[in-house]
Amino acid sequence: MTLFDDVSFVIRAKNRKTVFEKLTKPMTPTEISKELGLNIGFVSNILIELKKRKLIDCLSPNEKRHRFYKITKKGEQVLEATKKIGNS
């Protein structure tokens, strides 16, 4: 998978892109849901997709609630590339 496969994955869904961009600082799914006005289940599904691609990581994986997520180094490269192509 190339960098631009991941860029395409992120930008082809508006809500996925918005959630992804929020994770430049550690946040919980509940915080993201409230800030963006999105259903918590929808946010959780987006986080699962982004984590599978290693674009984000869970900072508190042993917690059942209040898990914090943040963009990984690979995710930072994808975020930077999305800005360069004018889709941010």
N, C-alpha and C. Protein backbone atom coordinates (compact mmCIF):
# COMPACT_ATOMS: atom_id res chain seq x y z
N MET A 1 0.84 -1.18 0.00
CA MET A 1 0.00 0.00 0.00
C MET A 1 0.89 1.24 0.00
N THR A 2 0.58 2.18 -0.86
CA THR A 2 1.38 3.39 -0.96
C THR A 2 0.80 4.51 -0.11
N LEU A 3 1.57 5.55 0.05
CA LEU A 3 1.12 6.74 0.77
C LEU A 3 -0.16 7.27 0.16
N PHE A 4 -0.22 7.30 -1.16
CA PHE A 4 -1.39 7.88 -1.81
C PHE A 4 -2.60 6.96 -1.80
N ASP A 5 -2.41 5.67 -1.56
CA ASP A 5 -3.56 4.80 -1.29
C ASP A 5 -4.23 5.25 0.01
N ASP A 6 -3.41 5.55 1.01
CA ASP A 6 -3.94 6.01 2.29
C ASP A 6 -4.54 7.40 2.19
N VAL A 7 -3.91 8.28 1.42
CA VAL A 7 -4.46 9.62 1.22
C VAL A 7 -5.84 9.51 0.59
N SER A 8 -5.95 8.70 -0.45
CA SER A 8 -7.23 8.50 -1.13
C SER A 8 -8.27 7.96 -0.16
N PHE A 9 -7.88 6.98 0.65
CA PHE A 9 -8.79 6.40 1.64
C PHE A 9 -9.33 7.47 2.59
N VAL A 10 -8.47 8.34 3.07
CA VAL A 10 -8.87 9.37 4.03
C VAL A 10 -9.78 10.40 3.37
N ILE A 11 -9.43 10.90 2.21
CA ILE A 11 -10.17 12.03 1.64
C ILE A 11 -11.45 11.64 0.90
N ARG A 12 -11.64 10.37 0.61
CA ARG A 12 -12.84 10.02 -0.15
C ARG A 12 -14.10 9.96 0.71
N ALA A 13 -13.97 10.11 2.01
CA ALA A 13 -15.13 10.18 2.90
C ALA A 13 -14.98 11.41 3.79
N LYS A 14 -15.89 12.35 3.65
CA LYS A 14 -15.81 13.63 4.36
C LYS A 14 -15.68 13.46 5.88
N ASN A 15 -16.52 12.61 6.46
CA ASN A 15 -16.47 12.43 7.92
C ASN A 15 -15.20 11.72 8.36
N ARG A 16 -14.71 10.78 7.56
CA ARG A 16 -13.45 10.10 7.89
C ARG A 16 -12.32 11.12 7.92
N LYS A 17 -12.29 11.98 6.93
CA LYS A 17 -11.25 13.01 6.85
C LYS A 17 -11.34 13.96 8.06
N THR A 18 -12.55 14.35 8.41
CA THR A 18 -12.74 15.27 9.53
C THR A 18 -12.31 14.64 10.85
N VAL A 19 -12.68 13.38 11.07
CA VAL A 19 -12.26 12.68 12.29
C VAL A 19 -10.74 12.54 12.31
N PHE A 20 -10.16 12.13 11.20
CA PHE A 20 -8.72 11.96 11.10
C PHE A 20 -7.98 13.26 11.45
N GLU A 21 -8.44 14.37 10.92
CA GLU A 21 -7.79 15.66 11.17
C GLU A 21 -7.90 16.09 12.62
N LYS A 22 -8.93 15.64 13.33
CA LYS A 22 -9.11 15.99 14.75
C LYS A 22 -8.05 15.32 15.63
N LEU A 23 -7.45 14.25 15.14
CA LEU A 23 -6.57 13.44 15.98
C LEU A 23 -5.12 13.91 16.00
N THR A 24 -4.88 15.18 15.71
CA THR A 24 -3.53 15.72 15.86
C THR A 24 -3.18 15.86 17.34
N LYS A 25 -4.20 15.80 18.18
CA LYS A 25 -4.00 15.75 19.63
C LYS A 25 -4.79 14.56 20.13
N PRO A 26 -4.39 13.95 21.26
CA PRO A 26 -5.11 12.79 21.78
C PRO A 26 -6.56 13.14 22.12
N MET A 27 -7.47 12.30 21.64
CA MET A 27 -8.89 12.50 21.89
C MET A 27 -9.58 11.15 22.06
N THR A 28 -10.70 11.18 22.79
CA THR A 28 -11.52 9.98 22.93
C THR A 28 -12.62 10.00 21.86
N PRO A 29 -13.20 8.85 21.56
CA PRO A 29 -14.31 8.83 20.61
C PRO A 29 -15.46 9.74 21.04
N THR A 30 -15.74 9.79 22.34
CA THR A 30 -16.81 10.65 22.84
C THR A 30 -16.52 12.12 22.57
N GLU A 31 -15.28 12.54 22.81
CA GLU A 31 -14.91 13.93 22.53
C GLU A 31 -15.07 14.26 21.05
N ILE A 32 -14.60 13.36 20.21
CA ILE A 32 -14.71 13.56 18.76
C ILE A 32 -16.18 13.65 18.36
N SER A 33 -16.98 12.73 18.88
CA SER A 33 -18.40 12.69 18.57
C SER A 33 -19.10 14.00 18.94
N LYS A 34 -18.82 14.49 20.13
CA LYS A 34 -19.44 15.73 20.59
C LYS A 34 -18.98 16.94 19.78
N GLU A 35 -17.68 17.04 19.52
CA GLU A 35 -17.15 18.19 18.78
C GLU A 35 -17.64 18.24 17.34
N LEU A 36 -17.79 17.07 16.72
CA LEU A 36 -18.18 17.04 15.31
C LEU A 36 -19.68 16.82 15.10
N GLY A 37 -20.39 16.51 16.18
CA GLY A 37 -21.82 16.26 16.06
C GLY A 37 -22.14 14.98 15.31
N LEU A 38 -21.27 13.98 15.47
CA LEU A 38 -21.45 12.70 14.81
C LEU A 38 -21.84 11.63 15.83
N ASN A 39 -22.57 10.63 15.39
CA ASN A 39 -22.94 9.50 16.22
C ASN A 39 -21.69 8.78 16.71
N ILE A 40 -21.69 8.38 17.98
CA ILE A 40 -20.52 7.74 18.58
C ILE A 40 -20.18 6.42 17.87
N GLY A 41 -21.18 5.68 17.46
CA GLY A 41 -20.93 4.42 16.74
C GLY A 41 -20.26 4.67 15.41
N PHE A 42 -20.68 5.72 14.74
CA PHE A 42 -20.08 6.10 13.46
C PHE A 42 -18.62 6.48 13.66
N VAL A 43 -18.34 7.27 14.69
CA VAL A 43 -16.96 7.66 15.00
C VAL A 43 -16.12 6.43 15.33
N SER A 44 -16.66 5.53 16.12
CA SER A 44 -15.92 4.31 16.48
C SER A 44 -15.57 3.48 15.25
N ASN A 45 -16.50 3.36 14.31
CA ASN A 45 -16.22 2.63 13.07
C ASN A 45 -15.11 3.29 12.26
N ILE A 46 -15.11 4.61 12.21
CA ILE A 46 -14.06 5.34 11.50
C ILE A 46 -12.71 5.09 12.17
N LEU A 47 -12.68 5.12 13.50
CA LEU A 47 -11.44 4.89 14.23
C LEU A 47 -10.90 3.49 13.96
N ILE A 48 -11.78 2.51 13.90
CA ILE A 48 -11.36 1.13 13.59
C ILE A 48 -10.71 1.07 12.21
N GLU A 49 -11.34 1.72 11.23
CA GLU A 49 -10.79 1.73 9.86
C GLU A 49 -9.41 2.39 9.83
N LEU A 50 -9.29 3.53 10.48
CA LEU A 50 -8.02 4.27 10.49
C LEU A 50 -6.93 3.49 11.23
N LYS A 51 -7.31 2.80 12.30
CA LYS A 51 -6.34 2.01 13.07
C LYS A 51 -5.85 0.81 12.25
N LYS A 52 -6.73 0.18 11.50
CA LYS A 52 -6.34 -0.95 10.66
C LYS A 52 -5.28 -0.55 9.65
N ARG A 53 -5.34 0.68 9.17
CA ARG A 53 -4.36 1.18 8.20
C ARG A 53 -3.14 1.78 8.88
N LYS A 54 -3.10 1.71 10.22
CA LYS A 54 -1.98 2.22 11.02
C LYS A 54 -1.80 3.74 10.87
N LEU A 55 -2.91 4.44 10.64
CA LEU A 55 -2.87 5.89 10.53
C LEU A 55 -3.08 6.55 11.88
N ILE A 56 -3.70 5.82 12.80
CA ILE A 56 -3.88 6.28 14.17
C ILE A 56 -3.51 5.13 15.10
N ASP A 57 -3.32 5.47 16.37
CA ASP A 57 -3.03 4.45 17.35
C ASP A 57 -3.81 4.76 18.62
N CYS A 58 -4.18 3.72 19.34
CA CYS A 58 -4.84 3.88 20.63
C CYS A 58 -3.75 4.03 21.68
N LEU A 59 -3.80 5.12 22.44
CA LEU A 59 -2.79 5.40 23.45
C LEU A 59 -3.11 4.72 24.78
N SER A 60 -4.34 4.24 24.92
CA SER A 60 -4.74 3.58 26.17
C SER A 60 -5.52 2.29 25.85
N PRO A 61 -4.88 1.33 25.19
CA PRO A 61 -5.59 0.14 24.71
C PRO A 61 -6.12 -0.77 25.82
N ASN A 62 -5.59 -0.67 27.02
CA ASN A 62 -6.05 -1.54 28.11
C ASN A 62 -7.30 -1.02 28.81
N GLU A 63 -7.71 0.17 28.47
CA GLU A 63 -8.91 0.76 29.06
C GLU A 63 -10.14 0.36 28.25
N LYS A 64 -11.22 0.05 28.93
CA LYS A 64 -12.46 -0.28 28.23
C LYS A 64 -13.21 0.98 27.84
N ARG A 65 -13.03 2.03 28.60
CA ARG A 65 -13.68 3.31 28.32
C ARG A 65 -12.62 4.40 28.34
N HIS A 66 -12.95 5.50 27.73
CA HIS A 66 -12.04 6.65 27.68
C HIS A 66 -10.71 6.31 27.02
N ARG A 67 -10.77 5.61 25.91
CA ARG A 67 -9.56 5.32 25.14
C ARG A 67 -9.18 6.57 24.35
N PHE A 68 -7.91 6.87 24.37
CA PHE A 68 -7.40 8.02 23.63
C PHE A 68 -6.73 7.55 22.34
N TYR A 69 -7.00 8.29 21.27
CA TYR A 69 -6.43 7.99 19.95
C TYR A 69 -5.66 9.21 19.45
N LYS A 70 -4.62 8.93 18.67
CA LYS A 70 -3.80 10.01 18.09
C LYS A 70 -3.20 9.52 16.78
N ILE A 71 -2.94 10.46 15.88
CA ILE A 71 -2.32 10.15 14.59
C ILE A 71 -0.92 9.59 14.81
N THR A 72 -0.55 8.58 14.03
CA THR A 72 0.80 7.99 14.07
C THR A 72 1.73 8.78 13.14
N LYS A 73 2.99 8.40 13.12
CA LYS A 73 3.95 9.02 12.19
C LYS A 73 3.49 8.81 10.74
N LYS A 74 3.05 7.60 10.43
CA LYS A 74 2.52 7.33 9.09
C LYS A 74 1.31 8.22 8.82
N GLY A 75 0.44 8.37 9.82
CA GLY A 75 -0.72 9.24 9.69
C GLY A 75 -0.34 10.69 9.46
N GLU A 76 0.72 11.14 10.11
CA GLU A 76 1.20 12.51 9.91
C GLU A 76 1.64 12.73 8.46
N GLN A 77 2.28 11.72 7.88
CA GLN A 77 2.69 11.82 6.47
C GLN A 77 1.46 11.91 5.57
N VAL A 78 0.45 11.12 5.86
CA VAL A 78 -0.79 11.16 5.08
C VAL A 78 -1.48 12.51 5.24
N LEU A 79 -1.54 13.03 6.46
CA LEU A 79 -2.15 14.32 6.71
C LEU A 79 -1.42 15.42 5.94
N GLU A 80 -0.11 15.39 5.98
CA GLU A 80 0.69 16.39 5.25
C GLU A 80 0.44 16.29 3.75
N ALA A 81 0.36 15.08 3.23
CA ALA A 81 0.11 14.89 1.80
C ALA A 81 -1.27 15.40 1.41
N THR A 82 -2.25 15.22 2.27
CA THR A 82 -3.60 15.72 1.94
C THR A 82 -3.60 17.25 1.87
N LYS A 83 -2.80 17.89 2.71
CA LYS A 83 -2.69 19.35 2.67
C LYS A 83 -2.00 19.82 1.40
N LYS A 84 -0.99 19.09 0.98
CA LYS A 84 -0.24 19.48 -0.22
C LYS A 84 -1.06 19.37 -1.49
N ILE A 85 -2.00 18.43 -1.52
CA ILE A 85 -2.81 18.28 -2.74
C ILE A 85 -4.09 19.11 -2.68
N GLY A 86 -4.22 19.89 -1.60
CA GLY A 86 -5.33 20.84 -1.54
C GLY A 86 -6.65 20.27 -1.09
N ASN A 87 -6.63 19.18 -0.35
CA ASN A 87 -7.87 18.59 0.12
C ASN A 87 -8.02 18.69 1.63
N SER A 88 -7.43 19.72 2.22
CA SER A 88 -7.59 19.84 3.68
C SER A 88 -8.50 20.99 4.02
